[in-house]
Amino acid sequence: MIHIYTDGSCHGNPGPGGWAAIIENDGNKTRLSGSEKETTNNRMELLAVIKGLQSTREQNDVTIFSDSQYVINTMTKGWKRKANQDLWALLDIEVRERHIVWEWIRGHSGNPGNEEADALANEQIVSDFSSKSKLSHLDQEGNAHMVNVGGKKATDRMAIAKGSVYMKPSTLRLISKMEIAKGDVFAIAKVAGVMAAKRTSELIPLCHPIPLNQVIVDLESDEGNGAVHITATARTNAKTGVEMEAMTAVSIASLTIYDMCKSVDRGIRIDAIRLVHKSGGESGETTLE
């Protein structure tokens, strides 16, 4: 028997909403979730059940646990379907193909499956929409937390960050001639930037660890302005972006240049570390310079 715990949530009703389904099957647990920009609580409750059933095979024995009387009583007591006809039609299709037991459970009563589904549905709203007016790393109570990206699809993502290190022209000439006592400044700074990008989630709280497909750190000597311009490009296929990895690479490459050259130039200045381009994910492509 497969157990599916479902829940839906909506801020405003109508307003931004989220849904979640926790599928427990033979000791294995699967979490599904998603969101919509303008919806209702009842639609999210229905969608959670539909998505949960769609994750199972036809002819499976399934028990649906929901705190929605709207869903449970409509399916077991024949409540009239006055709205959401499109979703009821989808649910009927899934129901016909499976053997289903419907169980109502009281919300916020301590049932682990229900509590987990409730939290996940609400997190989807916070992570996907509340960031327009609130910080996404804060939950509804204002506590810091890592945003749940479990419901997102992994996509190809790329980010480019830049920054500059300004110094005396004489210091830049020493770098070019490889006469800095600590060694080849450009080579070491590039390696430092790549290594830092790989450790970003360990350096920045609440940042997701992601697999990096590629990190490239380029350094350009600008003798006219006494500067080294740094560009870092990071690529991944993941559920969240790679902007922080690119900016971390630039930051640590800049600090490495400073550390290697500070003995001959105390006035070195790191400046304008910023994201200049990103692509991939739901937000698409952004260019900032």
Protein backbone atom coordinates (compact mmCIF):
# COMPACT_ATOMS: atom_id res chain seq x y z
CA MET A 1 0.00 0.00 0.00
CA ILE A 2 1.29 3.42 -0.98
CA HIS A 3 0.62 6.28 1.44
CA ILE A 4 0.40 9.82 0.05
CA TYR A 5 0.20 12.82 2.38
CA THR A 6 -0.96 15.97 0.58
CA ASP A 7 -1.47 19.60 1.44
CA GLY A 8 -2.12 22.90 -0.28
CA SER A 9 -1.62 26.46 0.87
CA CYS A 10 -2.46 29.90 -0.42
CA HIS A 11 -1.53 33.40 0.74
CA GLY A 12 -4.53 35.59 0.08
CA ASN A 13 -6.95 32.99 -1.30
CA PRO A 14 -6.84 33.95 -4.12
CA GLY A 15 -3.14 34.69 -4.24
CA PRO A 16 0.18 32.87 -4.60
CA GLY A 17 -0.12 29.24 -3.59
CA GLY A 18 1.88 26.08 -3.09
CA TRP A 19 1.17 22.36 -3.00
CA ALA A 20 3.06 19.33 -1.73
CA ALA A 21 2.76 15.56 -1.76
CA ILE A 22 4.79 13.16 0.39
CA ILE A 23 4.76 9.66 -1.13
CA GLU A 24 5.75 6.74 1.12
CA ASN A 25 6.20 3.41 -0.64
CA ASP A 26 7.87 0.35 0.88
CA GLY A 27 10.17 2.38 3.11
CA ASN A 28 11.03 4.92 0.41
CA LYS A 29 9.91 8.54 0.56
CA THR A 30 9.44 10.94 -2.34
CA ARG A 31 8.65 14.64 -1.96
CA LEU A 32 6.86 16.57 -4.69
CA SER A 33 5.93 20.24 -4.60
CA GLY A 34 5.12 23.20 -6.77
CA SER A 35 3.45 26.60 -6.86
CA GLU A 36 1.21 28.92 -8.84
CA LYS A 37 1.20 32.72 -8.93
CA GLU A 38 -2.58 33.22 -8.65
CA THR A 39 -4.69 30.42 -7.25
CA THR A 40 -6.85 29.30 -4.31
CA ASN A 41 -6.34 26.98 -1.38
CA ASN A 42 -8.81 24.43 -2.77
CA ARG A 43 -7.02 24.29 -6.11
CA MET A 44 -3.71 23.67 -4.36
CA GLU A 45 -5.27 20.89 -2.26
CA LEU A 46 -6.60 19.25 -5.40
CA LEU A 47 -3.37 19.66 -7.34
CA ALA A 48 -1.38 18.07 -4.53
CA VAL A 49 -3.54 14.93 -4.72
CA ILE A 50 -3.36 14.83 -8.53
CA LYS A 51 0.42 15.17 -8.61
CA GLY A 52 0.82 12.59 -5.88
CA LEU A 53 -1.30 10.05 -7.74
CA GLN A 54 0.46 10.77 -11.02
CA SER A 55 3.72 9.70 -9.40
CA THR A 56 2.33 6.19 -8.82
CA ARG A 57 1.62 3.40 -11.29
CA GLU A 58 -1.78 2.39 -12.54
CA GLN A 59 -3.55 -0.30 -10.47
CA ASN A 60 -1.55 0.61 -7.36
CA ASP A 61 -3.26 0.50 -3.97
CA VAL A 62 -3.06 4.02 -2.57
CA THR A 63 -4.21 5.72 0.60
CA ILE A 64 -4.58 9.50 0.37
CA PHE A 65 -4.19 11.42 3.64
CA SER A 66 -5.41 15.02 3.49
CA ASP A 67 -6.61 17.65 5.95
CA SER A 68 -8.88 19.09 3.24
CA GLN A 69 -12.54 18.29 3.86
CA TYR A 70 -13.16 19.83 0.44
CA VAL A 71 -11.21 17.02 -1.22
CA ILE A 72 -12.04 14.11 1.09
CA ASN A 73 -15.77 14.78 1.45
CA THR A 74 -16.21 15.44 -2.24
CA MET A 75 -14.66 12.06 -3.02
CA THR A 76 -16.37 10.10 -0.21
CA LYS A 77 -19.63 11.93 0.55
CA GLY A 78 -20.56 13.30 -2.83
CA TRP A 79 -20.18 16.99 -2.09
CA LYS A 80 -21.15 19.03 -5.15
CA ARG A 81 -18.36 20.19 -7.40
CA LYS A 82 -19.21 23.84 -7.85
CA ALA A 83 -15.77 25.02 -9.00
CA ASN A 84 -12.40 23.78 -10.25
CA GLN A 85 -13.97 21.50 -12.82
CA ASP A 86 -10.69 21.22 -14.75
CA LEU A 87 -8.88 19.75 -11.75
CA TRP A 88 -11.73 17.47 -10.75
CA ALA A 89 -11.67 16.04 -14.28
CA LEU A 90 -7.93 15.34 -13.97
CA LEU A 91 -8.40 13.76 -10.56
CA ASP A 92 -11.17 11.49 -11.87
CA ILE A 93 -8.79 10.15 -14.51
CA GLU A 94 -6.15 9.26 -11.91
CA VAL A 95 -8.73 7.75 -9.55
CA ARG A 96 -10.14 5.41 -12.20
CA GLU A 97 -6.73 3.82 -12.70
CA ARG A 98 -6.00 3.05 -9.05
CA HIS A 99 -7.49 1.52 -5.89
CA ILE A 100 -7.78 4.44 -3.49
CA VAL A 101 -8.67 4.82 0.18
CA TRP A 102 -9.46 8.38 1.29
CA GLU A 103 -8.49 9.41 4.84
CA TRP A 104 -9.14 12.82 6.40
CA ILE A 105 -6.70 13.91 9.11
CA ARG A 106 -6.95 17.02 11.23
CA GLY A 107 -4.46 19.67 10.21
CA HIS A 108 -1.64 20.59 12.58
CA SER A 109 -2.47 17.67 14.82
CA GLY A 110 1.08 16.32 14.87
CA ASN A 111 0.77 13.77 12.05
CA PRO A 112 4.33 13.65 10.62
CA GLY A 113 3.30 13.22 7.00
CA ASN A 114 0.76 16.01 7.13
CA GLU A 115 3.13 18.37 8.93
CA GLU A 116 5.85 17.72 6.38
CA ALA A 117 3.49 18.31 3.46
CA ASP A 118 2.20 21.51 5.05
CA ALA A 119 5.71 22.88 5.58
CA LEU A 120 6.78 22.01 2.05
CA ALA A 121 3.70 23.62 0.48
CA ASN A 122 4.29 26.83 2.41
CA GLU A 123 8.00 26.83 1.58
CA GLN A 124 7.11 26.79 -2.10
CA ILE A 125 5.19 30.02 -1.72
CA VAL A 126 8.01 31.65 0.22
CA SER A 127 10.76 30.55 -2.17
CA ASP A 128 8.91 31.26 -5.41
CA PHE A 129 6.88 34.41 -4.74
CA SER A 130 7.41 36.04 -1.38
CA SER A 131 10.93 37.01 -2.45
CA LYS A 132 9.34 39.86 -4.39
CA SER A 133 8.54 41.57 -1.08
CA LYS A 134 10.47 39.49 1.47
CA LEU A 135 13.84 37.82 1.79
CA SER A 136 13.57 34.24 0.52
CA HIS A 137 15.94 32.96 3.21
CA LEU A 138 13.45 33.94 5.92
CA ASP A 139 10.45 31.79 6.74
CA GLN A 140 7.04 33.13 7.72
CA GLU A 141 8.21 33.67 11.29
CA GLY A 142 11.34 35.52 10.20
CA ASN A 143 13.72 32.66 10.96
CA ALA A 144 16.66 32.00 8.66
CA HIS A 145 16.41 28.79 6.66
CA MET A 146 17.71 27.20 3.48
CA VAL A 147 15.17 27.60 0.68
CA ASN A 148 13.65 24.30 -0.44
CA VAL A 149 14.43 23.80 -4.14
CA GLY A 150 13.26 20.17 -4.23
CA GLY A 151 10.33 20.93 -6.52
CA LYS A 152 12.40 22.70 -9.14
CA LYS A 153 13.81 21.11 -12.29
CA ALA A 154 17.54 20.88 -12.85
CA THR A 155 18.52 23.08 -15.80
CA ASP A 156 21.72 24.30 -17.42
CA ARG A 157 22.78 27.48 -15.62
CA MET A 158 25.62 29.91 -16.13
CA ALA A 159 26.82 33.00 -14.28
CA ILE A 160 29.54 35.56 -14.98
CA ALA A 161 30.98 37.83 -12.30
CA LYS A 162 33.64 40.53 -12.49
CA GLY A 163 35.81 42.57 -10.20
CA SER A 164 39.00 44.64 -10.22
CA VAL A 165 42.11 45.00 -8.07
CA TYR A 166 43.80 48.42 -8.22
CA MET A 167 47.46 48.93 -7.33
CA LYS A 168 50.54 51.01 -8.08
CA PRO A 169 51.80 50.70 -11.68
CA SER A 170 55.11 49.52 -10.25
CA THR A 171 53.36 46.64 -8.47
CA LEU A 172 51.62 45.61 -11.67
CA ARG A 173 54.99 45.59 -13.46
CA LEU A 174 56.41 43.29 -10.79
CA ILE A 175 53.48 40.93 -11.33
CA SER A 176 54.00 40.96 -15.09
CA LYS A 177 57.70 40.21 -14.70
CA MET A 178 56.95 37.49 -12.10
CA GLU A 179 59.11 39.30 -9.59
CA ILE A 180 56.70 39.06 -6.66
CA ALA A 181 58.42 37.08 -3.92
CA LYS A 182 55.47 34.75 -3.33
CA GLY A 183 55.43 33.51 -6.92
CA ASP A 184 53.29 33.67 -10.07
CA VAL A 185 50.43 35.91 -8.93
CA PHE A 186 48.12 35.32 -11.90
CA ALA A 187 48.48 31.53 -11.88
CA ILE A 188 47.92 31.22 -8.15
CA ALA A 189 44.97 33.65 -8.15
CA LYS A 190 43.25 31.65 -10.90
CA VAL A 191 43.62 28.39 -8.99
CA ALA A 192 42.43 30.08 -5.78
CA GLY A 193 39.31 31.35 -7.55
CA VAL A 194 38.42 27.90 -8.89
CA MET A 195 39.01 26.26 -5.51
CA ALA A 196 36.86 28.87 -3.77
CA ALA A 197 33.96 28.39 -6.18
CA LYS A 198 33.96 24.68 -5.31
CA ARG A 199 33.67 25.52 -1.58
CA THR A 200 31.01 28.24 -1.82
CA SER A 201 28.33 26.40 0.14
CA GLU A 202 30.80 25.96 3.01
CA LEU A 203 31.62 29.66 3.08
CA ILE A 204 28.17 31.25 2.72
CA PRO A 205 25.40 30.24 5.14
CA LEU A 206 22.20 28.84 3.56
CA CYS A 207 23.86 28.50 0.13
CA HIS A 208 23.06 25.20 -1.60
CA PRO A 209 25.92 22.84 -2.53
CA ILE A 210 25.70 22.28 -6.29
CA PRO A 211 27.76 20.28 -8.80
CA LEU A 212 29.97 22.54 -10.87
CA ASN A 213 30.50 21.60 -14.49
CA GLN A 214 33.08 24.30 -15.12
CA VAL A 215 34.72 27.31 -13.49
CA ILE A 216 36.95 29.63 -15.54
CA VAL A 217 38.85 32.53 -13.96
CA ASP A 218 40.39 35.06 -16.37
CA LEU A 219 42.73 37.87 -15.31
CA GLU A 220 43.50 40.91 -17.49
CA SER A 221 46.33 43.35 -16.80
CA ASP A 222 45.35 47.01 -17.28
CA GLU A 223 48.56 49.02 -17.12
CA GLY A 224 46.86 52.31 -17.96
CA ASN A 225 44.71 52.17 -14.82
CA GLY A 226 47.05 50.13 -12.65
CA ALA A 227 44.53 47.33 -12.32
CA VAL A 228 43.93 43.64 -12.72
CA HIS A 229 40.41 42.93 -14.01
CA ILE A 230 39.01 39.53 -13.02
CA THR A 231 36.23 37.63 -14.77
CA ALA A 232 34.86 34.34 -13.44
CA THR A 233 32.45 32.12 -15.37
CA ALA A 234 30.68 29.25 -13.60
CA ARG A 235 28.44 26.58 -15.16
CA THR A 236 26.24 23.87 -13.66
CA ASN A 237 23.20 21.73 -14.27
CA ALA A 238 21.24 22.11 -11.05
CA LYS A 239 18.02 23.22 -9.38
CA THR A 240 19.43 26.55 -8.25
CA GLY A 241 21.71 29.19 -9.70
CA VAL A 242 25.46 29.47 -9.80
CA GLU A 243 25.81 33.22 -9.21
CA MET A 244 27.35 32.87 -5.77
CA GLU A 245 30.01 30.51 -7.07
CA ALA A 246 31.04 32.99 -9.77
CA MET A 247 31.21 35.91 -7.33
CA THR A 248 33.07 33.83 -4.75
CA ALA A 249 35.66 32.94 -7.39
CA VAL A 250 36.22 36.64 -8.16
CA SER A 251 36.37 37.56 -4.46
CA ILE A 252 38.97 34.97 -3.52
CA ALA A 253 41.05 35.58 -6.65
CA SER A 254 41.08 39.29 -5.68
CA LEU A 255 42.08 38.53 -2.09
CA THR A 256 44.83 36.22 -3.32
CA ILE A 257 46.31 39.01 -5.43
CA TYR A 258 46.14 41.33 -2.42
CA ASP A 259 47.81 38.78 -0.14
CA MET A 260 50.62 38.05 -2.56
CA CYS A 261 51.37 41.72 -3.25
CA LYS A 262 50.65 43.50 0.03
CA SER A 263 54.29 43.39 1.13
CA VAL A 264 55.23 45.77 -1.71
CA ASP A 265 51.99 47.76 -1.95
CA ARG A 266 49.86 48.54 1.12
CA GLY A 267 47.44 50.62 -0.91
CA ILE A 268 45.96 47.82 -3.03
CA ARG A 269 42.20 48.22 -3.41
CA ILE A 270 39.61 45.60 -4.38
CA ASP A 271 36.67 47.13 -6.21
CA ALA A 272 33.34 46.49 -7.97
CA ILE A 273 32.83 42.76 -7.48
CA ARG A 274 29.45 42.12 -9.09
CA LEU A 275 27.33 39.75 -11.14
CA VAL A 276 27.20 40.79 -14.79
CA HIS A 277 25.30 37.94 -16.43
CA LYS A 278 23.23 34.88 -15.56
CA SER A 279 21.16 32.41 -17.53
CA GLY A 280 19.06 29.32 -16.87
CA GLY A 281 16.29 28.55 -14.42
CA GLU A 282 12.81 30.04 -14.21
CA SER A 283 14.05 33.64 -14.18
CA GLY A 284 15.76 33.18 -17.56
CA GLU A 285 18.59 35.40 -18.78
CA THR A 286 19.77 38.59 -17.06
CA THR A 287 22.57 40.94 -18.15
CA LEU A 288 23.63 43.68 -15.76
CA GLU A 289 26.38 45.52 -17.63
